[in-house]
Amino acid sequence: MFLPSLEQWIIQKRREFHRYPELSFNECMTQKRIMDSLKEFGLESSSIAGTGVVAEITGNGPGPCIAIRADTDALPIQEEESDHNGEYISCHKGVMHACGHDGHTAIVLGVARMLFEKRHEFSGKVRLIFQPAEEQYPGGACQVIEHGGLEGVDAIIGLHIFGDVDVGNVRFCPGPFMASSNDFSVRIIGKGGHVSTPGYCVNPIEMAADVISRARLESARKVDPSRHVFGFGAVTGGTRSNIIPDEVQIFGSFRTFNEMDTVTIENALENILGSIMNKYSDKDLAGVPSYELDVLHGYPVLVNNPDFTAAASRLLKQLFVNVDDNASPIFGSEDFAYYLRQVPGMFLFLGTRNPEKDIIENNHSSSFDLDEAVLMQGVQILCSIALDFLKKPEEYIY
């Protein structure tokens, strides 16, 4: 079968994935397209984690194994038409590749094709993981791991395309690079009644207001603001302006770069709630007020292995101009963190922002798009690290 040039091919693939996006854990046709794309140049693959794909390229002799991961799911966003996307705008109403996962998938397909052609030039193995459901907790990475996706793997690499990073710029750092995500809900139970007789009521709305006003200040007092973010996203309760409800629910989230800060903020929230309950307690009303706090610990902190990152940095600075190996960590979270808990490796960002082409929207925007020039650069980055690792793994993992 005649195949177009690698760059043309990965652009075609990216546009195909963009045109037919699928939500987390529902990437059935995406899975088939990936497997068919690999088969085009002779690489067999198999399913993993339900709607994921795994394939392996074996070199010319024994050696270590490095894994390369792409995420494949889209978001529940209605795509806006633009001057760029007329040929590939989403055909699925309310679903869009607004986070670059179509680009990640195309890049790793390009890596697969390039390394398959070079398989007689290196020793060891390259495992390609096309992972479902990065966007929806609990994420697909844990399922990949549970199904043996990292068995025999010595290291792993991945990248993410970002709309707020200038096109072609590469960013990463050793150690914590992306934050943990922690969502919480608080159910505050008081005693309802009419607003004209507040003495007979314990108003949960007033208590919720106290929680909201105090919690962020207390979290900033306990944990340096540069190391965390904390905020509320929803408040529900009540039906009419003159009726005090029996209960209110508030929902929020906080993110940190280490587990100690996570525990500190969670404990601070518990202490604030206990203090507020005491403040509003009524000796004539047994059991009122009270609260229920539920904290969902999502993806953990993503920690790049320092030795692996240092070796990759030396290589990338030789190959590319704009490489920042001391980038500031961000408060976004990623389930790639689970892989890095199992094996050494790194995660990096690749910029796609290009005002000259009017590509300026950030990830998760309904107008997000890629400068497709970064696709080939992504292939070159991942291939270069993988081949260098297979040639001299002792420089990456001590």
Protein backbone atom coordinates (compact mmCIF):
# COMPACT_ATOMS: atom_id res chain seq x y z
CA MET A 1 0.00 0.00 0.00
CA PHE A 2 1.33 3.42 -0.97
CA LEU A 3 1.46 5.80 1.95
CA PRO A 4 1.85 9.58 1.73
CA SER A 5 4.82 11.29 3.37
CA LEU A 6 4.88 10.94 7.14
CA GLU A 7 3.92 14.55 7.76
CA GLN A 8 1.02 14.43 5.30
CA TRP A 9 -0.10 11.14 6.80
CA ILE A 10 -0.18 12.33 10.41
CA ILE A 11 -2.03 15.50 9.42
CA GLN A 12 -4.62 13.36 7.63
CA LYS A 13 -4.91 11.12 10.69
CA ARG A 14 -5.26 14.05 13.06
CA ARG A 15 -8.05 15.53 10.96
CA GLU A 16 -9.83 12.19 10.81
CA PHE A 17 -9.76 11.81 14.59
CA HIS A 18 -10.85 15.42 14.99
CA ARG A 19 -13.79 14.91 12.64
CA TYR A 20 -15.09 11.90 14.58
CA PRO A 21 -14.46 12.55 18.31
CA GLU A 22 -15.69 10.20 21.02
CA LEU A 23 -16.14 10.71 24.74
CA SER A 24 -14.26 8.95 27.53
CA PHE A 25 -14.71 5.17 27.69
CA ASN A 26 -16.68 5.30 24.42
CA GLU A 27 -13.78 5.48 21.95
CA CYS A 28 -14.91 2.43 19.95
CA MET A 29 -14.49 3.80 16.42
CA THR A 30 -11.37 5.68 17.50
CA GLN A 31 -9.93 2.37 18.64
CA LYS A 32 -10.71 0.78 15.26
CA ARG A 33 -9.20 3.71 13.36
CA ILE A 34 -6.00 3.46 15.39
CA MET A 35 -5.69 -0.28 14.81
CA ASP A 36 -6.40 0.12 11.09
CA SER A 37 -3.84 2.94 10.86
CA LEU A 38 -1.16 0.75 12.44
CA LYS A 39 -2.03 -2.08 10.10
CA GLU A 40 -1.50 0.22 7.09
CA PHE A 41 2.26 -0.10 7.51
CA GLY A 42 2.29 -3.63 8.92
CA LEU A 43 2.14 -3.22 12.69
CA GLU A 44 -0.29 -5.48 14.51
CA SER A 45 -2.00 -4.29 17.69
CA SER A 46 -4.48 -5.38 20.31
CA SER A 47 -7.10 -3.79 22.53
CA ILE A 48 -6.44 -2.82 26.13
CA ALA A 49 -8.46 -1.12 28.86
CA GLY A 50 -11.69 -1.55 26.91
CA THR A 51 -11.34 1.02 24.16
CA GLY A 52 -7.57 1.46 24.19
CA VAL A 53 -4.91 0.05 21.87
CA VAL A 54 -1.44 -1.33 22.56
CA ALA A 55 1.24 -2.28 20.03
CA GLU A 56 4.90 -3.16 20.29
CA ILE A 57 7.84 -2.65 17.96
CA THR A 58 10.70 -5.10 18.47
CA GLY A 59 14.19 -4.03 17.46
CA ASN A 60 17.10 -6.08 16.15
CA GLY A 61 18.09 -7.60 19.47
CA PRO A 62 17.48 -7.67 23.23
CA GLY A 63 17.38 -4.47 25.20
CA PRO A 64 15.18 -2.31 27.40
CA CYS A 65 11.58 -1.37 26.65
CA ILE A 66 10.28 2.19 26.53
CA ALA A 67 6.57 3.02 26.35
CA ILE A 68 5.06 6.01 24.55
CA ARG A 69 1.53 7.05 25.43
CA ALA A 70 -1.21 8.99 23.67
CA ASP A 71 -4.67 9.77 25.08
CA THR A 72 -7.58 9.42 22.68
CA ASP A 73 -10.79 10.80 24.20
CA ALA A 74 -12.67 14.02 23.42
CA LEU A 75 -14.76 16.46 25.46
CA PRO A 76 -18.50 17.28 25.68
CA ILE A 77 -18.10 20.62 23.87
CA GLN A 78 -19.88 21.94 20.77
CA GLU A 79 -17.21 23.03 18.30
CA GLU A 80 -17.32 26.50 16.78
CA GLU A 81 -16.70 26.81 13.05
CA SER A 82 -13.60 28.81 12.12
CA ASP A 83 -11.49 29.76 9.13
CA HIS A 84 -9.33 26.69 9.79
CA ASN A 85 -11.57 23.75 10.58
CA GLY A 86 -13.95 23.67 7.63
CA GLU A 87 -12.47 20.39 6.37
CA TYR A 88 -12.39 18.64 9.71
CA ILE A 89 -14.90 20.22 12.12
CA SER A 90 -16.52 17.68 14.44
CA CYS A 91 -19.33 15.65 12.90
CA HIS A 92 -20.57 14.62 16.35
CA LYS A 93 -22.87 17.21 17.87
CA GLY A 94 -21.75 18.35 21.30
CA VAL A 95 -18.48 16.42 21.17
CA MET A 96 -15.11 17.91 20.27
CA HIS A 97 -11.38 17.28 20.45
CA ALA A 98 -10.81 20.50 22.38
CA CYS A 99 -7.71 19.37 24.30
CA GLY A 100 -5.38 18.15 21.57
CA HIS A 101 -5.87 14.43 22.05
CA ASP A 102 -6.47 14.04 18.31
CA GLY A 103 -3.01 15.53 17.84
CA HIS A 104 -1.49 13.25 20.49
CA THR A 105 -2.98 10.20 18.78
CA ALA A 106 -1.71 11.28 15.36
CA ILE A 107 1.75 12.02 16.76
CA VAL A 108 2.12 8.60 18.36
CA LEU A 109 0.87 6.96 15.17
CA GLY A 110 3.63 8.89 13.40
CA VAL A 111 6.12 7.66 16.00
CA ALA A 112 4.92 4.11 15.39
CA ARG A 113 5.37 4.39 11.63
CA MET A 114 8.83 5.98 11.90
CA LEU A 115 10.16 3.52 14.47
CA PHE A 116 8.66 0.53 12.64
CA GLU A 117 10.66 1.57 9.58
CA LYS A 118 13.79 1.91 11.77
CA ARG A 119 13.26 -1.30 13.76
CA HIS A 120 16.42 -2.90 12.30
CA GLU A 121 18.50 0.03 13.58
CA PHE A 122 17.91 -0.30 17.33
CA SER A 123 17.86 -2.92 20.06
CA GLY A 124 15.08 -3.35 22.57
CA LYS A 125 11.38 -2.60 22.30
CA VAL A 126 9.03 0.33 21.98
CA ARG A 127 5.52 -0.10 23.36
CA LEU A 128 2.81 2.21 22.04
CA ILE A 129 -0.13 2.88 24.35
CA PHE A 130 -3.23 4.62 23.00
CA GLN A 131 -5.10 5.22 26.22
CA PRO A 132 -8.81 5.96 26.57
CA ALA A 133 -10.47 8.30 29.04
CA GLU A 134 -7.87 10.74 30.28
CA GLU A 135 -10.55 13.41 30.62
CA GLN A 136 -12.84 11.53 32.99
CA TYR A 137 -11.88 10.30 36.44
CA PRO A 138 -10.87 7.59 37.33
CA GLY A 139 -9.18 7.78 33.93
CA GLY A 140 -7.92 5.09 31.61
CA ALA A 141 -4.31 4.94 32.84
CA CYS A 142 -5.18 2.79 35.86
CA GLN A 143 -7.00 0.32 33.63
CA VAL A 144 -4.04 0.15 31.26
CA ILE A 145 -1.81 -0.65 34.23
CA GLU A 146 -4.26 -3.21 35.65
CA HIS A 147 -4.40 -4.95 32.26
CA GLY A 148 -0.63 -5.32 32.07
CA GLY A 149 0.14 -2.35 29.88
CA LEU A 150 3.36 -1.56 31.76
CA GLU A 151 4.59 -5.12 32.26
CA GLY A 152 8.17 -5.32 31.06
CA VAL A 153 8.37 -1.55 30.53
CA ASP A 154 11.51 0.19 31.82
CA ALA A 155 10.52 3.81 31.13
CA ILE A 156 7.69 5.87 29.66
CA ILE A 157 7.26 9.21 27.90
CA GLY A 158 4.30 11.32 26.86
CA LEU A 159 3.51 14.82 25.68
CA HIS A 160 0.64 17.27 25.72
CA ILE A 161 -0.13 19.99 23.20
CA PHE A 162 -0.94 23.33 24.87
CA GLY A 163 -2.69 26.34 23.40
CA ASP A 164 -1.15 28.88 25.78
CA VAL A 165 2.43 27.92 24.87
CA ASP A 166 3.97 29.44 21.73
CA VAL A 167 4.18 27.12 18.75
CA GLY A 168 7.14 24.79 18.79
CA ASN A 169 8.19 25.61 22.36
CA VAL A 170 8.93 22.60 24.55
CA ARG A 171 8.40 22.85 28.31
CA PHE A 172 9.01 20.51 31.22
CA CYS A 173 10.80 20.28 34.53
CA PRO A 174 12.14 17.57 36.85
CA GLY A 175 10.04 16.58 39.83
CA PRO A 176 6.43 17.77 40.35
CA PHE A 177 5.15 19.14 37.04
CA MET A 178 1.35 18.89 37.27
CA ALA A 179 -0.88 19.06 40.33
CA SER A 180 -3.13 16.59 42.06
CA SER A 181 -6.86 17.17 41.69
CA ASN A 182 -9.14 16.99 44.73
CA ASP A 183 -12.88 17.67 44.55
CA PHE A 184 -15.07 18.04 47.62
CA SER A 185 -18.68 18.49 48.57
CA VAL A 186 -20.13 19.68 51.87
CA ARG A 187 -23.70 19.00 52.95
CA ILE A 188 -24.68 21.46 55.68
CA ILE A 189 -27.79 20.54 57.67
CA GLY A 190 -29.62 23.19 59.65
CA LYS A 191 -33.28 23.80 60.52
CA GLY A 192 -35.55 25.46 58.03
CA GLY A 193 -38.46 27.82 58.50
CA HIS A 194 -39.75 31.27 57.61
CA VAL A 195 -37.33 34.16 57.29
CA SER A 196 -39.64 36.25 59.51
CA THR A 197 -38.87 33.96 62.49
CA PRO A 198 -35.10 33.39 62.31
CA GLY A 199 -34.98 32.53 66.00
CA TYR A 200 -36.69 29.23 65.27
CA CYS A 201 -34.22 28.36 62.49
CA VAL A 202 -30.58 27.42 62.00
CA ASN A 203 -29.83 28.84 58.58
CA PRO A 204 -27.59 26.56 56.48
CA ILE A 205 -27.17 29.28 53.84
CA GLU A 206 -25.49 31.55 56.38
CA MET A 207 -23.26 28.68 57.46
CA ALA A 208 -22.37 27.95 53.83
CA ALA A 209 -21.46 31.61 53.36
CA ASP A 210 -19.17 31.40 56.37
CA VAL A 211 -17.49 28.28 54.98
CA ILE A 212 -16.94 29.92 51.60
CA SER A 213 -15.55 33.13 53.09
CA ARG A 214 -13.24 31.38 55.55
CA ALA A 215 -12.01 28.29 53.69
CA ARG A 216 -9.99 29.99 50.97
CA LEU A 217 -8.36 32.39 53.46
CA GLU A 218 -7.50 29.53 55.79
CA SER A 219 -6.04 27.38 53.00
CA ALA A 220 -3.84 30.32 51.97
CA ARG A 221 -2.72 30.74 55.59
CA LYS A 222 -1.84 27.06 55.95
CA VAL A 223 -0.28 26.46 52.51
CA ASP A 224 1.68 28.98 50.45
CA PRO A 225 -0.56 30.26 47.60
CA SER A 226 2.16 29.40 45.08
CA ARG A 227 1.76 25.73 46.02
CA HIS A 228 -2.01 25.34 45.71
CA VAL A 229 -5.29 26.62 44.35
CA PHE A 230 -8.62 26.43 46.19
CA GLY A 231 -12.08 27.45 45.11
CA PHE A 232 -15.82 26.78 45.11
CA GLY A 233 -17.73 25.96 41.96
CA ALA A 234 -21.36 25.39 42.96
CA VAL A 235 -23.87 26.05 45.74
CA THR A 236 -27.30 24.43 45.83
CA GLY A 237 -30.16 24.81 48.27
CA GLY A 238 -33.42 26.57 48.91
CA THR A 239 -36.54 27.12 46.83
CA ARG A 240 -37.89 30.63 47.62
CA SER A 241 -36.66 33.95 48.94
CA ASN A 242 -38.68 33.77 52.17
CA ILE A 243 -38.05 30.14 53.08
CA ILE A 244 -34.97 29.09 55.00
CA PRO A 245 -34.05 25.58 53.75
CA ASP A 246 -33.12 22.65 55.92
CA GLU A 247 -29.87 22.04 54.08
CA VAL A 248 -27.43 23.42 51.53
CA GLN A 249 -24.69 21.76 49.50
CA ILE A 250 -21.49 23.44 48.38
CA PHE A 251 -18.99 22.02 45.91
CA GLY A 252 -15.38 22.95 45.39
CA SER A 253 -11.93 21.81 44.37
CA PHE A 254 -8.31 22.25 45.42
CA ARG A 255 -5.05 21.29 43.79
CA THR A 256 -1.59 20.81 45.25
CA PHE A 257 1.88 19.62 44.31
CA ASN A 258 2.41 17.23 47.23
CA GLU A 259 0.35 14.95 49.46
CA MET A 260 1.28 16.80 52.65
CA ASP A 261 -0.34 20.00 51.37
CA THR A 262 -3.40 18.00 50.32
CA VAL A 263 -3.79 16.64 53.87
CA THR A 264 -3.20 20.09 55.37
CA ILE A 265 -5.97 21.69 53.30
CA GLU A 266 -8.38 18.84 53.95
CA ASN A 267 -7.76 19.11 57.70
CA ALA A 268 -8.20 22.89 57.57
CA LEU A 269 -11.58 22.41 55.88
CA GLU A 270 -12.65 19.96 58.58
CA ASN A 271 -11.58 22.39 61.33
CA ILE A 272 -13.45 25.29 59.73
CA LEU A 273 -16.62 23.22 59.44
CA GLY A 274 -16.36 22.12 63.06
CA SER A 275 -15.86 25.71 64.20
CA ILE A 276 -18.85 26.91 62.22
CA MET A 277 -21.05 24.15 63.60
CA ASN A 278 -20.14 25.28 67.12
CA LYS A 279 -20.84 28.89 66.24
CA TYR A 280 -24.35 28.12 65.03
CA SER A 281 -25.21 25.39 67.55
CA ASP A 282 -28.48 25.65 69.43
CA LYS A 283 -28.73 23.86 72.78
CA ASP A 284 -32.48 23.46 72.29
CA LEU A 285 -32.07 21.65 68.96
CA ALA A 286 -30.26 18.35 69.37
CA GLY A 287 -28.09 17.31 66.44
CA VAL A 288 -28.43 20.65 64.64
CA PRO A 289 -26.44 21.90 62.88
CA SER A 290 -24.30 19.16 61.31
CA TYR A 291 -22.32 18.56 58.15
CA GLU A 292 -21.09 15.84 55.83
CA LEU A 293 -17.78 16.36 54.03
CA ASP A 294 -16.86 14.16 51.09
CA VAL A 295 -13.45 14.54 49.43
CA LEU A 296 -12.69 12.81 46.14
CA HIS A 297 -8.97 12.51 45.55
CA GLY A 298 -8.54 12.47 41.78
CA TYR A 299 -5.35 12.21 39.75
CA PRO A 300 -2.17 12.37 41.86
CA VAL A 301 0.73 14.79 41.41
CA LEU A 302 2.59 14.13 38.16
CA VAL A 303 6.29 13.79 39.02
CA ASN A 304 8.90 13.67 36.26
CA ASN A 305 11.83 11.41 37.10
CA PRO A 306 14.82 13.75 37.65
CA ASP A 307 17.47 11.48 36.06
CA PHE A 308 15.35 10.67 33.02
CA THR A 309 14.37 14.32 32.60
CA ALA A 310 18.00 15.51 32.81
CA ALA A 311 19.09 13.08 30.10
CA ALA A 312 16.17 13.99 27.85
CA SER A 313 16.88 17.68 28.39
CA ARG A 314 20.48 17.32 27.20
CA LEU A 315 19.24 15.61 24.05
CA LEU A 316 16.36 17.97 23.26
CA LYS A 317 18.50 21.09 23.69
CA GLN A 318 20.80 19.73 20.99
CA LEU A 319 17.89 19.19 18.60
CA PHE A 320 15.48 22.07 19.21
CA VAL A 321 15.81 25.79 19.81
CA ASN A 322 13.08 26.61 22.32
CA VAL A 323 13.43 24.07 25.12
CA ASP A 324 12.63 25.16 28.68
CA ASP A 325 13.68 22.40 31.08
CA ASN A 326 12.86 24.46 34.17
CA ALA A 327 9.27 25.36 33.38
CA SER A 328 6.92 26.30 36.20
CA PRO A 329 4.61 23.47 37.26
CA ILE A 330 0.95 23.99 36.43
CA PHE A 331 -2.23 23.30 38.38
CA GLY A 332 -3.70 21.14 35.62
CA SER A 333 -3.80 17.41 36.37
CA GLU A 334 -3.15 14.32 34.25
CA ASP A 335 -3.60 10.60 34.75
CA PHE A 336 -0.17 10.10 33.14
CA ALA A 337 0.88 10.59 36.77
CA TYR A 338 -0.14 6.98 37.46
CA TYR A 339 2.37 5.67 34.91
CA LEU A 340 5.18 7.72 36.46
CA ARG A 341 4.38 6.15 39.82
CA GLN A 342 5.16 2.75 38.29
CA VAL A 343 8.18 3.40 36.05
CA PRO A 344 10.61 6.30 35.50
CA GLY A 345 9.97 8.72 32.67
CA MET A 346 8.72 12.16 31.84
CA PHE A 347 5.85 14.24 30.51
CA LEU A 348 6.36 17.40 28.47
CA PHE A 349 4.35 20.21 26.88
CA LEU A 350 4.50 21.21 23.22
CA GLY A 351 3.18 24.65 22.28
CA THR A 352 0.72 25.28 19.45
CA ARG A 353 -0.15 28.97 19.95
CA ASN A 354 0.43 30.89 16.72
CA PRO A 355 -1.13 34.38 16.45
CA GLU A 356 0.06 34.68 12.83
CA LYS A 357 -2.33 31.86 11.94
CA ASP A 358 -4.98 33.07 14.42
CA ILE A 359 -4.47 29.93 16.51
CA ILE A 360 -4.75 31.51 19.95
CA GLU A 361 -7.41 29.63 21.92
CA ASN A 362 -6.53 27.64 25.02
CA ASN A 363 -7.33 23.98 25.60
CA HIS A 364 -10.98 23.18 26.36
CA SER A 365 -12.21 26.15 24.31
CA SER A 366 -14.92 25.51 21.72
CA SER A 367 -12.58 27.27 19.25
CA PHE A 368 -9.41 25.36 20.16
CA ASP A 369 -7.31 24.24 17.20
CA LEU A 370 -3.76 23.12 16.44
CA ASP A 371 -1.00 24.51 14.32
CA GLU A 372 -0.44 21.23 12.50
CA ALA A 373 3.27 22.04 12.12
CA VAL A 374 3.73 20.81 15.70
CA LEU A 375 2.60 17.29 14.81
CA MET A 376 5.84 16.40 13.04
CA GLN A 377 7.83 18.08 15.78
CA GLY A 378 6.03 15.92 18.33
CA VAL A 379 7.01 12.81 16.35
CA GLN A 380 10.64 13.95 16.26
CA ILE A 381 10.69 14.67 20.00
CA LEU A 382 9.29 11.31 21.06
CA CYS A 383 11.31 9.30 18.54
CA SER A 384 14.54 11.05 19.52
CA ILE A 385 14.05 10.38 23.23
CA ALA A 386 13.02 6.77 22.65
CA LEU A 387 15.96 5.95 20.38
CA ASP A 388 18.45 7.70 22.65
CA PHE A 389 17.09 5.83 25.66
CA LEU A 390 17.35 2.47 23.87
CA LYS A 391 20.93 3.27 22.85
CA LYS A 392 22.14 4.37 26.30
CA PRO A 393 19.53 3.61 28.98
CA GLU A 394 22.14 3.99 31.74
CA GLU A 395 22.02 7.77 31.20
CA TYR A 396 18.26 7.85 31.82
CA ILE A 397 17.63 5.35 34.58
CA TYR A 398 20.38 4.79 37.14
